[in-house]
Amino acid sequence: MEGRRDRKKRQTGERIRASALELFAQHGYRQTTIAAIAEHADVATRTVTLHFPTKADLLFAGDPFAPESLAARLADRTGDTLDAFGEWLHDTIRDLGEYDEDLGRPPGEMLSLHAMRPALIAEDPDLASRAHVFYSELERVTAESLAQELGTSADGLAPRLTAYTLVGGLRELYRVDEASRDTLPALVDRVLAFARAGLHTLTT
């Protein structure tokens, strides 16, 4: 079980991240200083850098959609890769949308803050480059799981194109006009249906 010290450290880190996202959305990523984030989160500047050594880490470190999280879900799957990927997406989105007792944030607030990331990343070349590496790792993990099911190479067209479709859907979920807290589950299902239809076409 999580000890009191670890829980406090996690709470502080999440408060810093939430403050950073709010300020990034209001003033821009480049224009927001570590000092401003520290003041907004009511911590020392040193505390911010201890939790997040670089400003970019505030957007990427501890991401709930991390490749490690997906890899663990795929390793423990009971159905096929697409089912497990969909469950992982639904569960992660649900957790982001729930009331955060530790931070005292209302339902949906962390999900809304997280949804600001794509626009911030797209506007900054350095962040976009780091995001490319992040999403490429998600694609690799997914393609390897699909290849294991199909009995083929992870570099084959079917695993790679299906993985690209799934991760592309995740990347675009917050950017489409239909996106909202209420519509995200249905959008996830549409991405999965699209990927499954494509996989069927490639393997029959």
N, C-alpha and C. Protein backbone atom coordinates (compact mmCIF):
# COMPACT_ATOMS: atom_id res chain seq x y z
N MET A 1 0.84 -1.20 0.00
CA MET A 1 0.00 0.00 0.00
C MET A 1 0.87 1.25 0.00
N GLU A 2 0.34 2.32 -0.57
CA GLU A 2 1.08 3.56 -0.66
C GLU A 2 1.22 4.19 0.71
N GLY A 3 2.47 4.52 1.10
CA GLY A 3 2.71 5.16 2.38
C GLY A 3 2.35 6.63 2.36
N ARG A 4 2.31 7.22 3.54
CA ARG A 4 1.92 8.63 3.65
C ARG A 4 2.89 9.52 2.89
N ARG A 5 4.19 9.23 3.00
CA ARG A 5 5.19 10.06 2.32
C ARG A 5 5.06 9.98 0.81
N ASP A 6 4.88 8.75 0.30
CA ASP A 6 4.73 8.56 -1.14
C ASP A 6 3.45 9.22 -1.65
N ARG A 7 2.38 9.12 -0.86
CA ARG A 7 1.11 9.73 -1.26
C ARG A 7 1.24 11.24 -1.33
N LYS A 8 1.92 11.83 -0.36
CA LYS A 8 2.10 13.27 -0.36
C LYS A 8 2.96 13.71 -1.55
N LYS A 9 3.98 12.91 -1.86
CA LYS A 9 4.83 13.23 -3.01
C LYS A 9 4.03 13.18 -4.30
N ARG A 10 3.18 12.16 -4.43
CA ARG A 10 2.35 12.04 -5.64
C ARG A 10 1.36 13.20 -5.73
N GLN A 11 0.76 13.55 -4.61
CA GLN A 11 -0.20 14.66 -4.60
C GLN A 11 0.47 15.97 -5.02
N THR A 12 1.69 16.19 -4.52
CA THR A 12 2.42 17.40 -4.88
C THR A 12 2.73 17.42 -6.37
N GLY A 13 3.19 16.29 -6.89
CA GLY A 13 3.50 16.20 -8.31
C GLY A 13 2.29 16.46 -9.18
N GLU A 14 1.15 15.90 -8.81
CA GLU A 14 -0.07 16.11 -9.60
C GLU A 14 -0.56 17.55 -9.51
N ARG A 15 -0.39 18.17 -8.34
CA ARG A 15 -0.78 19.58 -8.20
C ARG A 15 0.09 20.47 -9.07
N ILE A 16 1.38 20.17 -9.12
CA ILE A 16 2.30 20.92 -9.97
C ILE A 16 1.92 20.74 -11.44
N ARG A 17 1.66 19.51 -11.85
CA ARG A 17 1.31 19.24 -13.25
C ARG A 17 0.02 19.97 -13.64
N ALA A 18 -0.98 19.90 -12.77
CA ALA A 18 -2.25 20.57 -13.07
C ALA A 18 -2.06 22.08 -13.18
N SER A 19 -1.25 22.64 -12.30
CA SER A 19 -0.98 24.08 -12.36
C SER A 19 -0.27 24.44 -13.65
N ALA A 20 0.69 23.61 -14.06
CA ALA A 20 1.43 23.86 -15.29
C ALA A 20 0.50 23.83 -16.50
N LEU A 21 -0.37 22.84 -16.57
CA LEU A 21 -1.29 22.74 -17.70
C LEU A 21 -2.22 23.95 -17.77
N GLU A 22 -2.68 24.41 -16.62
CA GLU A 22 -3.54 25.59 -16.60
C GLU A 22 -2.81 26.81 -17.14
N LEU A 23 -1.58 27.00 -16.69
CA LEU A 23 -0.80 28.16 -17.13
C LEU A 23 -0.38 28.04 -18.59
N PHE A 24 -0.03 26.84 -19.02
CA PHE A 24 0.32 26.64 -20.44
C PHE A 24 -0.86 27.02 -21.33
N ALA A 25 -2.06 26.61 -20.92
CA ALA A 25 -3.25 26.89 -21.71
C ALA A 25 -3.55 28.40 -21.75
N GLN A 26 -3.28 29.07 -20.65
CA GLN A 26 -3.59 30.50 -20.56
C GLN A 26 -2.55 31.38 -21.25
N HIS A 27 -1.27 31.01 -21.09
CA HIS A 27 -0.20 31.92 -21.52
C HIS A 27 0.73 31.33 -22.58
N GLY A 28 0.60 30.02 -22.86
CA GLY A 28 1.49 29.38 -23.80
C GLY A 28 2.62 28.65 -23.09
N TYR A 29 3.14 27.63 -23.74
CA TYR A 29 4.18 26.80 -23.13
C TYR A 29 5.48 27.59 -22.95
N ARG A 30 5.94 28.25 -23.99
CA ARG A 30 7.21 28.96 -23.93
C ARG A 30 7.15 30.14 -22.96
N GLN A 31 5.98 30.76 -22.87
CA GLN A 31 5.86 31.97 -22.05
C GLN A 31 5.72 31.67 -20.56
N THR A 32 5.41 30.44 -20.21
CA THR A 32 5.20 30.07 -18.81
C THR A 32 6.51 29.65 -18.17
N THR A 33 6.87 30.28 -17.08
CA THR A 33 8.13 29.98 -16.40
C THR A 33 7.92 28.96 -15.27
N ILE A 34 9.00 28.31 -14.90
CA ILE A 34 8.96 27.38 -13.76
C ILE A 34 8.57 28.13 -12.49
N ALA A 35 9.06 29.36 -12.36
CA ALA A 35 8.72 30.17 -11.18
C ALA A 35 7.23 30.42 -11.10
N ALA A 36 6.62 30.70 -12.24
CA ALA A 36 5.18 30.95 -12.26
C ALA A 36 4.39 29.70 -11.90
N ILE A 37 4.87 28.56 -12.38
CA ILE A 37 4.22 27.29 -12.06
C ILE A 37 4.32 27.01 -10.56
N ALA A 38 5.50 27.24 -10.00
CA ALA A 38 5.71 27.03 -8.56
C ALA A 38 4.77 27.92 -7.74
N GLU A 39 4.65 29.17 -8.14
CA GLU A 39 3.77 30.10 -7.41
C GLU A 39 2.32 29.65 -7.49
N HIS A 40 1.91 29.21 -8.68
CA HIS A 40 0.52 28.78 -8.88
C HIS A 40 0.22 27.53 -8.08
N ALA A 41 1.21 26.63 -7.97
CA ALA A 41 1.02 25.38 -7.23
C ALA A 41 1.30 25.54 -5.74
N ASP A 42 1.76 26.73 -5.34
CA ASP A 42 2.09 27.03 -3.94
C ASP A 42 3.19 26.11 -3.41
N VAL A 43 4.26 25.98 -4.22
CA VAL A 43 5.43 25.22 -3.81
C VAL A 43 6.67 26.02 -4.17
N ALA A 44 7.82 25.58 -3.69
CA ALA A 44 9.08 26.22 -4.05
C ALA A 44 9.47 25.84 -5.47
N THR A 45 10.22 26.73 -6.12
CA THR A 45 10.69 26.45 -7.48
C THR A 45 11.50 25.16 -7.50
N ARG A 46 12.31 24.93 -6.49
CA ARG A 46 13.12 23.73 -6.39
C ARG A 46 12.24 22.47 -6.36
N THR A 47 11.08 22.59 -5.72
CA THR A 47 10.17 21.44 -5.65
C THR A 47 9.68 21.06 -7.04
N VAL A 48 9.42 22.04 -7.88
CA VAL A 48 8.97 21.77 -9.25
C VAL A 48 10.04 20.98 -10.00
N THR A 49 11.29 21.45 -9.92
CA THR A 49 12.37 20.80 -10.68
C THR A 49 12.75 19.44 -10.10
N LEU A 50 12.49 19.22 -8.83
CA LEU A 50 12.73 17.90 -8.25
C LEU A 50 11.75 16.87 -8.82
N HIS A 51 10.51 17.31 -8.99
CA HIS A 51 9.49 16.42 -9.54
C HIS A 51 9.60 16.31 -11.06
N PHE A 52 9.94 17.42 -11.71
CA PHE A 52 9.97 17.49 -13.17
C PHE A 52 11.25 18.22 -13.59
N PRO A 53 12.33 17.47 -13.85
CA PRO A 53 13.62 18.10 -14.15
C PRO A 53 13.60 19.07 -15.33
N THR A 54 12.74 18.82 -16.32
CA THR A 54 12.62 19.76 -17.45
C THR A 54 11.17 20.19 -17.57
N LYS A 55 10.96 21.32 -18.21
CA LYS A 55 9.59 21.81 -18.37
C LYS A 55 8.76 20.86 -19.23
N ALA A 56 9.39 20.24 -20.22
CA ALA A 56 8.68 19.28 -21.07
C ALA A 56 8.16 18.09 -20.28
N ASP A 57 8.85 17.73 -19.20
CA ASP A 57 8.40 16.60 -18.38
C ASP A 57 7.02 16.86 -17.79
N LEU A 58 6.66 18.11 -17.64
CA LEU A 58 5.33 18.44 -17.10
C LEU A 58 4.23 17.98 -18.05
N LEU A 59 4.57 17.83 -19.32
CA LEU A 59 3.59 17.36 -20.31
C LEU A 59 3.69 15.86 -20.58
N PHE A 60 4.87 15.28 -20.35
CA PHE A 60 5.09 13.89 -20.76
C PHE A 60 5.33 12.91 -19.63
N ALA A 61 6.02 13.32 -18.58
CA ALA A 61 6.35 12.38 -17.51
C ALA A 61 5.08 11.93 -16.79
N GLY A 62 4.99 10.63 -16.55
CA GLY A 62 3.83 10.11 -15.84
C GLY A 62 2.54 10.18 -16.63
N ASP A 63 2.64 10.26 -17.95
CA ASP A 63 1.44 10.33 -18.78
C ASP A 63 0.57 9.09 -18.54
N PRO A 64 -0.74 9.26 -18.30
CA PRO A 64 -1.59 8.09 -18.03
C PRO A 64 -1.70 7.15 -19.22
N PHE A 65 -1.40 7.65 -20.43
CA PHE A 65 -1.44 6.82 -21.63
C PHE A 65 -0.05 6.31 -22.00
N ALA A 66 0.81 6.14 -21.01
CA ALA A 66 2.20 5.76 -21.25
C ALA A 66 2.32 4.37 -21.87
N PRO A 67 3.35 4.15 -22.69
CA PRO A 67 3.57 2.82 -23.28
C PRO A 67 3.67 1.70 -22.25
N GLU A 68 4.26 2.00 -21.09
CA GLU A 68 4.39 0.98 -20.05
C GLU A 68 3.02 0.51 -19.56
N SER A 69 2.10 1.47 -19.46
CA SER A 69 0.74 1.14 -19.03
C SER A 69 0.05 0.26 -20.06
N LEU A 70 0.20 0.62 -21.34
CA LEU A 70 -0.40 -0.18 -22.40
C LEU A 70 0.23 -1.57 -22.48
N ALA A 71 1.55 -1.64 -22.37
CA ALA A 71 2.25 -2.92 -22.45
C ALA A 71 1.77 -3.86 -21.35
N ALA A 72 1.57 -3.33 -20.15
CA ALA A 72 1.10 -4.16 -19.04
C ALA A 72 -0.30 -4.69 -19.32
N ARG A 73 -1.16 -3.83 -19.88
CA ARG A 73 -2.53 -4.25 -20.19
C ARG A 73 -2.52 -5.33 -21.28
N LEU A 74 -1.71 -5.15 -22.30
CA LEU A 74 -1.65 -6.13 -23.38
C LEU A 74 -1.08 -7.47 -22.91
N ALA A 75 -0.11 -7.40 -22.01
CA ALA A 75 0.49 -8.63 -21.49
C ALA A 75 -0.51 -9.45 -20.69
N ASP A 76 -1.46 -8.77 -20.04
CA ASP A 76 -2.44 -9.46 -19.20
C ASP A 76 -3.78 -9.66 -19.89
N ARG A 77 -3.84 -9.41 -21.19
CA ARG A 77 -5.12 -9.46 -21.88
C ARG A 77 -5.73 -10.87 -21.87
N THR A 78 -7.05 -10.91 -21.83
CA THR A 78 -7.77 -12.17 -21.93
C THR A 78 -8.43 -12.30 -23.31
N GLY A 79 -8.70 -11.16 -23.96
CA GLY A 79 -9.25 -11.17 -25.31
C GLY A 79 -8.15 -10.87 -26.31
N ASP A 80 -8.54 -10.28 -27.46
CA ASP A 80 -7.52 -9.96 -28.44
C ASP A 80 -6.93 -8.57 -28.19
N THR A 81 -5.95 -8.20 -28.99
CA THR A 81 -5.24 -6.94 -28.78
C THR A 81 -6.15 -5.74 -28.89
N LEU A 82 -7.06 -5.75 -29.87
CA LEU A 82 -7.94 -4.60 -30.04
C LEU A 82 -8.89 -4.44 -28.85
N ASP A 83 -9.39 -5.55 -28.32
CA ASP A 83 -10.23 -5.47 -27.13
C ASP A 83 -9.46 -4.88 -25.96
N ALA A 84 -8.23 -5.37 -25.77
CA ALA A 84 -7.41 -4.89 -24.64
C ALA A 84 -7.05 -3.43 -24.81
N PHE A 85 -6.73 -3.02 -26.04
CA PHE A 85 -6.41 -1.62 -26.31
C PHE A 85 -7.62 -0.75 -25.99
N GLY A 86 -8.81 -1.21 -26.40
CA GLY A 86 -10.02 -0.45 -26.13
C GLY A 86 -10.32 -0.34 -24.65
N GLU A 87 -10.15 -1.44 -23.92
CA GLU A 87 -10.37 -1.41 -22.47
C GLU A 87 -9.41 -0.45 -21.80
N TRP A 88 -8.16 -0.46 -22.25
CA TRP A 88 -7.14 0.43 -21.69
C TRP A 88 -7.52 1.89 -21.93
N LEU A 89 -7.96 2.20 -23.14
CA LEU A 89 -8.39 3.57 -23.44
C LEU A 89 -9.58 3.98 -22.59
N HIS A 90 -10.60 3.15 -22.55
CA HIS A 90 -11.81 3.47 -21.78
C HIS A 90 -11.49 3.66 -20.30
N ASP A 91 -10.69 2.75 -19.74
CA ASP A 91 -10.37 2.83 -18.30
C ASP A 91 -9.56 4.08 -17.98
N THR A 92 -8.59 4.40 -18.85
CA THR A 92 -7.74 5.56 -18.59
C THR A 92 -8.54 6.85 -18.70
N ILE A 93 -9.39 6.95 -19.70
CA ILE A 93 -10.23 8.14 -19.86
C ILE A 93 -11.20 8.26 -18.69
N ARG A 94 -11.77 7.13 -18.25
CA ARG A 94 -12.68 7.17 -17.11
C ARG A 94 -11.97 7.67 -15.85
N ASP A 95 -10.77 7.14 -15.61
CA ASP A 95 -10.02 7.55 -14.42
C ASP A 95 -9.69 9.04 -14.45
N LEU A 96 -9.35 9.55 -15.63
CA LEU A 96 -9.06 10.98 -15.75
C LEU A 96 -10.30 11.83 -15.51
N GLY A 97 -11.46 11.28 -15.84
CA GLY A 97 -12.69 12.05 -15.73
C GLY A 97 -13.34 12.01 -14.37
N GLU A 98 -12.86 11.15 -13.48
CA GLU A 98 -13.47 11.02 -12.17
C GLU A 98 -12.98 12.09 -11.19
N TYR A 99 -13.71 12.25 -10.10
CA TYR A 99 -13.31 13.16 -9.04
C TYR A 99 -11.98 12.72 -8.46
N ASP A 100 -11.06 13.67 -8.32
CA ASP A 100 -9.75 13.37 -7.75
C ASP A 100 -9.75 13.76 -6.28
N GLU A 101 -9.87 12.76 -5.41
CA GLU A 101 -9.97 13.02 -3.98
C GLU A 101 -8.70 13.65 -3.43
N ASP A 102 -7.54 13.18 -3.94
CA ASP A 102 -6.27 13.69 -3.44
C ASP A 102 -6.10 15.16 -3.76
N LEU A 103 -6.53 15.57 -4.95
CA LEU A 103 -6.34 16.97 -5.36
C LEU A 103 -7.57 17.82 -5.12
N GLY A 104 -8.69 17.20 -4.80
CA GLY A 104 -9.92 17.95 -4.59
C GLY A 104 -10.44 18.59 -5.86
N ARG A 105 -10.18 17.98 -7.00
CA ARG A 105 -10.62 18.53 -8.28
C ARG A 105 -11.92 17.85 -8.70
N PRO A 106 -12.85 18.62 -9.24
CA PRO A 106 -14.16 18.07 -9.61
C PRO A 106 -14.07 17.11 -10.79
N PRO A 107 -15.10 16.29 -10.99
CA PRO A 107 -15.11 15.35 -12.12
C PRO A 107 -14.90 16.07 -13.44
N GLY A 108 -14.02 15.51 -14.26
CA GLY A 108 -13.80 16.06 -15.59
C GLY A 108 -12.72 17.10 -15.69
N GLU A 109 -12.26 17.67 -14.57
CA GLU A 109 -11.29 18.76 -14.67
C GLU A 109 -9.94 18.26 -15.16
N MET A 110 -9.45 17.14 -14.62
CA MET A 110 -8.17 16.63 -15.07
C MET A 110 -8.24 16.15 -16.52
N LEU A 111 -9.38 15.62 -16.91
CA LEU A 111 -9.56 15.21 -18.30
C LEU A 111 -9.51 16.42 -19.22
N SER A 112 -10.14 17.51 -18.79
CA SER A 112 -10.12 18.74 -19.59
C SER A 112 -8.72 19.31 -19.70
N LEU A 113 -7.97 19.27 -18.61
CA LEU A 113 -6.60 19.76 -18.64
C LEU A 113 -5.74 18.90 -19.55
N HIS A 114 -5.93 17.58 -19.46
CA HIS A 114 -5.17 16.67 -20.31
C HIS A 114 -5.49 16.91 -21.79
N ALA A 115 -6.72 17.27 -22.07
CA ALA A 115 -7.14 17.50 -23.45
C ALA A 115 -6.48 18.72 -24.07
N MET A 116 -5.89 19.59 -23.25
CA MET A 116 -5.19 20.77 -23.77
C MET A 116 -3.84 20.41 -24.38
N ARG A 117 -3.29 19.27 -24.02
CA ARG A 117 -1.94 18.91 -24.43
C ARG A 117 -1.72 18.87 -25.94
N PRO A 118 -2.62 18.24 -26.72
CA PRO A 118 -2.34 18.15 -28.16
C PRO A 118 -2.09 19.48 -28.84
N ALA A 119 -2.88 20.48 -28.50
CA ALA A 119 -2.71 21.80 -29.12
C ALA A 119 -1.39 22.42 -28.70
N LEU A 120 -1.02 22.27 -27.44
CA LEU A 120 0.24 22.82 -26.94
C LEU A 120 1.42 22.14 -27.64
N ILE A 121 1.33 20.83 -27.79
CA ILE A 121 2.41 20.07 -28.42
C ILE A 121 2.54 20.44 -29.89
N ALA A 122 1.41 20.58 -30.57
CA ALA A 122 1.43 20.87 -32.01
C ALA A 122 2.05 22.23 -32.32
N GLU A 123 1.98 23.15 -31.37
CA GLU A 123 2.48 24.49 -31.59
C GLU A 123 3.98 24.63 -31.36
N ASP A 124 4.62 23.60 -30.81
CA ASP A 124 6.03 23.70 -30.45
C ASP A 124 6.82 22.56 -31.10
N PRO A 125 7.78 22.85 -31.97
CA PRO A 125 8.52 21.79 -32.67
C PRO A 125 9.24 20.81 -31.75
N ASP A 126 9.82 21.32 -30.67
CA ASP A 126 10.53 20.43 -29.74
C ASP A 126 9.57 19.46 -29.06
N LEU A 127 8.41 19.96 -28.65
CA LEU A 127 7.42 19.10 -28.02
C LEU A 127 6.86 18.10 -29.03
N ALA A 128 6.65 18.56 -30.26
CA ALA A 128 6.13 17.67 -31.30
C ALA A 128 7.11 16.53 -31.57
N SER A 129 8.40 16.82 -31.54
CA SER A 129 9.41 15.79 -31.76
C SER A 129 9.39 14.76 -30.63
N ARG A 130 9.26 15.24 -29.41
CA ARG A 130 9.20 14.32 -28.28
C ARG A 130 7.92 13.49 -28.33
N ALA A 131 6.82 14.11 -28.73
CA ALA A 131 5.55 13.38 -28.84
C ALA A 131 5.64 12.29 -29.89
N HIS A 132 6.37 12.56 -30.97
CA HIS A 132 6.53 11.55 -32.02
C HIS A 132 7.20 10.30 -31.47
N VAL A 133 8.22 10.47 -30.66
CA VAL A 133 8.90 9.33 -30.03
C VAL A 133 7.94 8.59 -29.11
N PHE A 134 7.15 9.33 -28.34
CA PHE A 134 6.19 8.76 -27.40
C PHE A 134 5.16 7.90 -28.14
N TYR A 135 4.57 8.46 -29.19
CA TYR A 135 3.55 7.73 -29.93
C TYR A 135 4.14 6.56 -30.72
N SER A 136 5.36 6.70 -31.18
CA SER A 136 6.02 5.61 -31.89
C SER A 136 6.21 4.40 -30.98
N GLU A 137 6.48 4.65 -29.72
CA GLU A 137 6.64 3.55 -28.77
C GLU A 137 5.30 2.85 -28.52
N LEU A 138 4.22 3.63 -28.46
CA LEU A 138 2.88 3.03 -28.33
C LEU A 138 2.58 2.15 -29.54
N GLU A 139 2.94 2.64 -30.72
CA GLU A 139 2.71 1.87 -31.94
C GLU A 139 3.52 0.57 -31.93
N ARG A 140 4.76 0.64 -31.47
CA ARG A 140 5.61 -0.55 -31.44
C ARG A 140 5.01 -1.61 -30.52
N VAL A 141 4.61 -1.19 -29.33
CA VAL A 141 4.03 -2.13 -28.35
C VAL A 141 2.77 -2.78 -28.93
N THR A 142 1.95 -1.98 -29.58
CA THR A 142 0.70 -2.50 -30.14
C THR A 142 0.97 -3.44 -31.30
N ALA A 143 1.88 -3.06 -32.19
CA ALA A 143 2.21 -3.89 -33.35
C ALA A 143 2.78 -5.24 -32.92
N GLU A 144 3.60 -5.26 -31.88
CA GLU A 144 4.17 -6.52 -31.40
C GLU A 144 3.10 -7.44 -30.85
N SER A 145 2.12 -6.87 -30.16
CA SER A 145 1.03 -7.68 -29.64
C SER A 145 0.18 -8.25 -30.77
N LEU A 146 -0.11 -7.42 -31.75
CA LEU A 146 -0.89 -7.88 -32.91
C LEU A 146 -0.14 -8.97 -33.69
N ALA A 147 1.16 -8.77 -33.87
CA ALA A 147 1.96 -9.74 -34.61
C ALA A 147 1.96 -11.09 -33.91
N GLN A 148 2.00 -11.07 -32.59
CA GLN A 148 1.97 -12.32 -31.83
C GLN A 148 0.67 -13.06 -32.09
N GLU A 149 -0.44 -12.33 -32.15
CA GLU A 149 -1.73 -12.95 -32.44
C GLU A 149 -1.79 -13.51 -33.86
N LEU A 150 -1.27 -12.74 -34.79
CA LEU A 150 -1.38 -13.10 -36.20
C LEU A 150 -0.32 -14.11 -36.63
N GLY A 151 0.69 -14.31 -35.80
CA GLY A 151 1.77 -15.21 -36.17
C GLY A 151 2.63 -14.66 -37.29
N THR A 152 2.86 -13.36 -37.24
CA THR A 152 3.63 -12.70 -38.28
C THR A 152 4.63 -11.75 -37.67
N SER A 153 5.39 -11.04 -38.50
CA SER A 153 6.37 -10.08 -38.01
C SER A 153 5.69 -8.79 -37.58
N ALA A 154 6.23 -8.17 -36.55
CA ALA A 154 5.70 -6.87 -36.10
C ALA A 154 5.93 -5.78 -37.13
N ASP A 155 6.81 -6.05 -38.09
CA ASP A 155 7.07 -5.09 -39.17
C ASP A 155 6.19 -5.34 -40.39
N GLY A 156 5.27 -6.29 -40.29
CA GLY A 156 4.36 -6.55 -41.39
C GLY A 156 3.33 -5.44 -41.52
N LEU A 157 2.68 -5.36 -42.68
CA LEU A 157 1.74 -4.29 -42.95
C LEU A 157 0.54 -4.31 -42.00
N ALA A 158 -0.04 -5.48 -41.77
CA ALA A 158 -1.24 -5.56 -40.94
C ALA A 158 -0.98 -5.08 -39.50
N PRO A 159 0.06 -5.59 -38.81
CA PRO A 159 0.30 -5.10 -37.45
C PRO A 159 0.66 -3.61 -37.40
N ARG A 160 1.50 -3.17 -38.32
CA ARG A 160 1.96 -1.78 -38.27
C ARG A 160 0.84 -0.81 -38.62
N LEU A 161 0.07 -1.09 -39.65
CA LEU A 161 -0.98 -0.17 -40.06
C LEU A 161 -2.11 -0.14 -39.04
N THR A 162 -2.43 -1.29 -38.45
CA THR A 162 -3.47 -1.32 -37.42
C THR A 162 -3.01 -0.57 -36.17
N ALA A 163 -1.76 -0.77 -35.77
CA ALA A 163 -1.22 -0.06 -34.61
C ALA A 163 -1.22 1.45 -34.87
N TYR A 164 -0.84 1.84 -36.07
CA TYR A 164 -0.82 3.26 -36.44
C TYR A 164 -2.23 3.84 -36.36
N THR A 165 -3.21 3.08 -36.79
CA THR A 165 -4.60 3.53 -36.74
C THR A 165 -5.07 3.71 -35.30
N LEU A 166 -4.78 2.74 -34.45
CA LEU A 166 -5.20 2.82 -33.05
C LEU A 166 -4.56 3.99 -32.33
N VAL A 167 -3.25 4.12 -32.47
CA VAL A 167 -2.54 5.20 -31.78
C VAL A 167 -2.89 6.55 -32.39
N GLY A 168 -3.09 6.57 -33.71
CA GLY A 168 -3.55 7.81 -34.34
C GLY A 168 -4.90 8.23 -33.82
N GLY A 169 -5.77 7.25 -33.57
CA GLY A 169 -7.06 7.57 -32.98
C GLY A 169 -6.92 8.18 -31.60
N LEU A 170 -6.03 7.60 -30.78
CA LEU A 170 -5.76 8.17 -29.45
C LEU A 170 -5.24 9.60 -29.58
N ARG A 171 -4.34 9.81 -30.51
CA ARG A 171 -3.72 11.13 -30.68
C ARG A 171 -4.75 12.18 -31.10
N GLU A 172 -5.73 11.77 -31.88
CA GLU A 172 -6.69 12.72 -32.43
C GLU A 172 -7.98 12.85 -31.62
N LEU A 173 -8.17 12.00 -30.63
CA LEU A 173 -9.44 11.98 -29.90
C LEU A 173 -9.86 13.36 -29.39
N TYR A 174 -8.91 14.11 -28.86
CA TYR A 174 -9.24 15.39 -28.24
C TYR A 174 -9.31 16.53 -29.24
N ARG A 175 -8.92 16.26 -30.49
CA ARG A 175 -8.79 17.34 -31.46
C ARG A 175 -9.95 17.43 -32.43
N VAL A 176 -10.79 16.41 -32.47
CA VAL A 176 -11.91 16.43 -33.40
C VAL A 176 -13.07 17.25 -32.83
N ASP A 177 -13.91 17.75 -33.71
CA ASP A 177 -15.00 18.63 -33.29
C ASP A 177 -15.98 17.95 -32.34
N GLU A 178 -16.12 16.61 -32.49
CA GLU A 178 -17.12 15.91 -31.68
C GLU A 178 -16.66 15.64 -30.25
N ALA A 179 -15.40 15.93 -29.94
CA ALA A 179 -14.83 15.52 -28.66
C ALA A 179 -15.40 16.30 -27.49
N SER A 180 -15.81 15.58 -26.47
CA SER A 180 -16.22 16.15 -25.19
C SER A 180 -16.14 15.03 -24.17
N ARG A 181 -16.28 15.36 -22.91
CA ARG A 181 -16.22 14.33 -21.87
C ARG A 181 -17.28 13.26 -22.11
N ASP A 182 -18.46 13.66 -22.58
CA ASP A 182 -19.56 12.72 -22.76
C ASP A 182 -19.41 11.88 -24.03
N THR A 183 -18.75 12.43 -25.05
CA THR A 183 -18.67 11.71 -26.33
C THR A 183 -17.42 10.86 -26.48
N LEU A 184 -16.43 11.04 -25.62
CA LEU A 184 -15.17 10.32 -25.78
C LEU A 184 -15.33 8.79 -25.81
N PRO A 185 -16.14 8.19 -24.92
CA PRO A 185 -16.28 6.73 -24.99
C PRO A 185 -16.80 6.25 -26.35
N ALA A 186 -17.76 6.96 -26.91
CA ALA A 186 -18.29 6.57 -28.22
C ALA A 186 -17.24 6.76 -29.31
N LEU A 187 -16.43 7.81 -29.20
CA LEU A 187 -15.38 8.04 -30.19
C LEU A 187 -14.33 6.94 -30.12
N VAL A 188 -14.01 6.49 -28.91
CA VAL A 188 -13.07 5.38 -28.75
C VAL A 188 -13.61 4.15 -29.48
N ASP A 189 -14.89 3.86 -29.30
CA ASP A 189 -15.49 2.69 -29.95
C ASP A 189 -15.45 2.82 -31.47
N ARG A 190 -15.60 4.02 -31.99
CA ARG A 190 -15.54 4.23 -33.44
C ARG A 190 -14.13 3.99 -33.96
N VAL A 191 -13.13 4.44 -33.20
CA VAL A 191 -11.74 4.19 -33.59
C VAL A 191 -11.47 2.69 -33.62
N LEU A 192 -11.93 1.97 -32.60
CA LEU A 192 -11.71 0.53 -32.53
C LEU A 192 -12.41 -0.19 -33.69
N ALA A 193 -13.64 0.22 -34.01
CA ALA A 193 -14.36 -0.41 -35.11
C ALA A 193 -13.66 -0.17 -36.44
N PHE A 194 -13.14 1.04 -36.62
CA PHE A 194 -12.41 1.38 -37.84
C PHE A 194 -11.15 0.53 -37.96
N ALA A 195 -10.41 0.39 -36.85
CA ALA A 195 -9.18 -0.39 -36.86
C ALA A 195 -9.47 -1.87 -37.10
N ARG A 196 -10.54 -2.36 -36.48
CA ARG A 196 -10.88 -3.79 -36.63
C ARG A 196 -11.28 -4.09 -38.09
N ALA A 197 -12.04 -3.19 -38.70
CA ALA A 197 -12.43 -3.38 -40.10
C ALA A 197 -11.21 -3.37 -41.01
N GLY A 198 -10.28 -2.48 -40.73
CA GLY A 198 -9.06 -2.43 -41.52
C GLY A 198 -8.22 -3.68 -41.37
N LEU A 199 -8.09 -4.16 -40.14
CA LEU A 199 -7.33 -5.38 -39.89
C LEU A 199 -7.96 -6.56 -40.61
N HIS A 200 -9.27 -6.62 -40.60
CA HIS A 200 -9.97 -7.71 -41.28
C HIS A 200 -9.66 -7.66 -42.78
N THR A 201 -9.67 -6.47 -43.35
CA THR A 201 -9.37 -6.32 -44.78
C THR A 201 -7.96 -6.77 -45.11
N LEU A 202 -7.03 -6.48 -44.22
CA LEU A 202 -5.62 -6.81 -44.47
C LEU A 202 -5.29 -8.28 -44.26
N THR A 203 -6.13 -8.99 -43.54
CA THR A 203 -5.80 -10.38 -43.17
C THR A 203 -6.73 -11.41 -43.79
N THR A 204 -7.63 -10.98 -44.69
CA THR A 204 -8.52 -11.95 -45.34
C THR A 204 -8.38 -11.88 -46.85
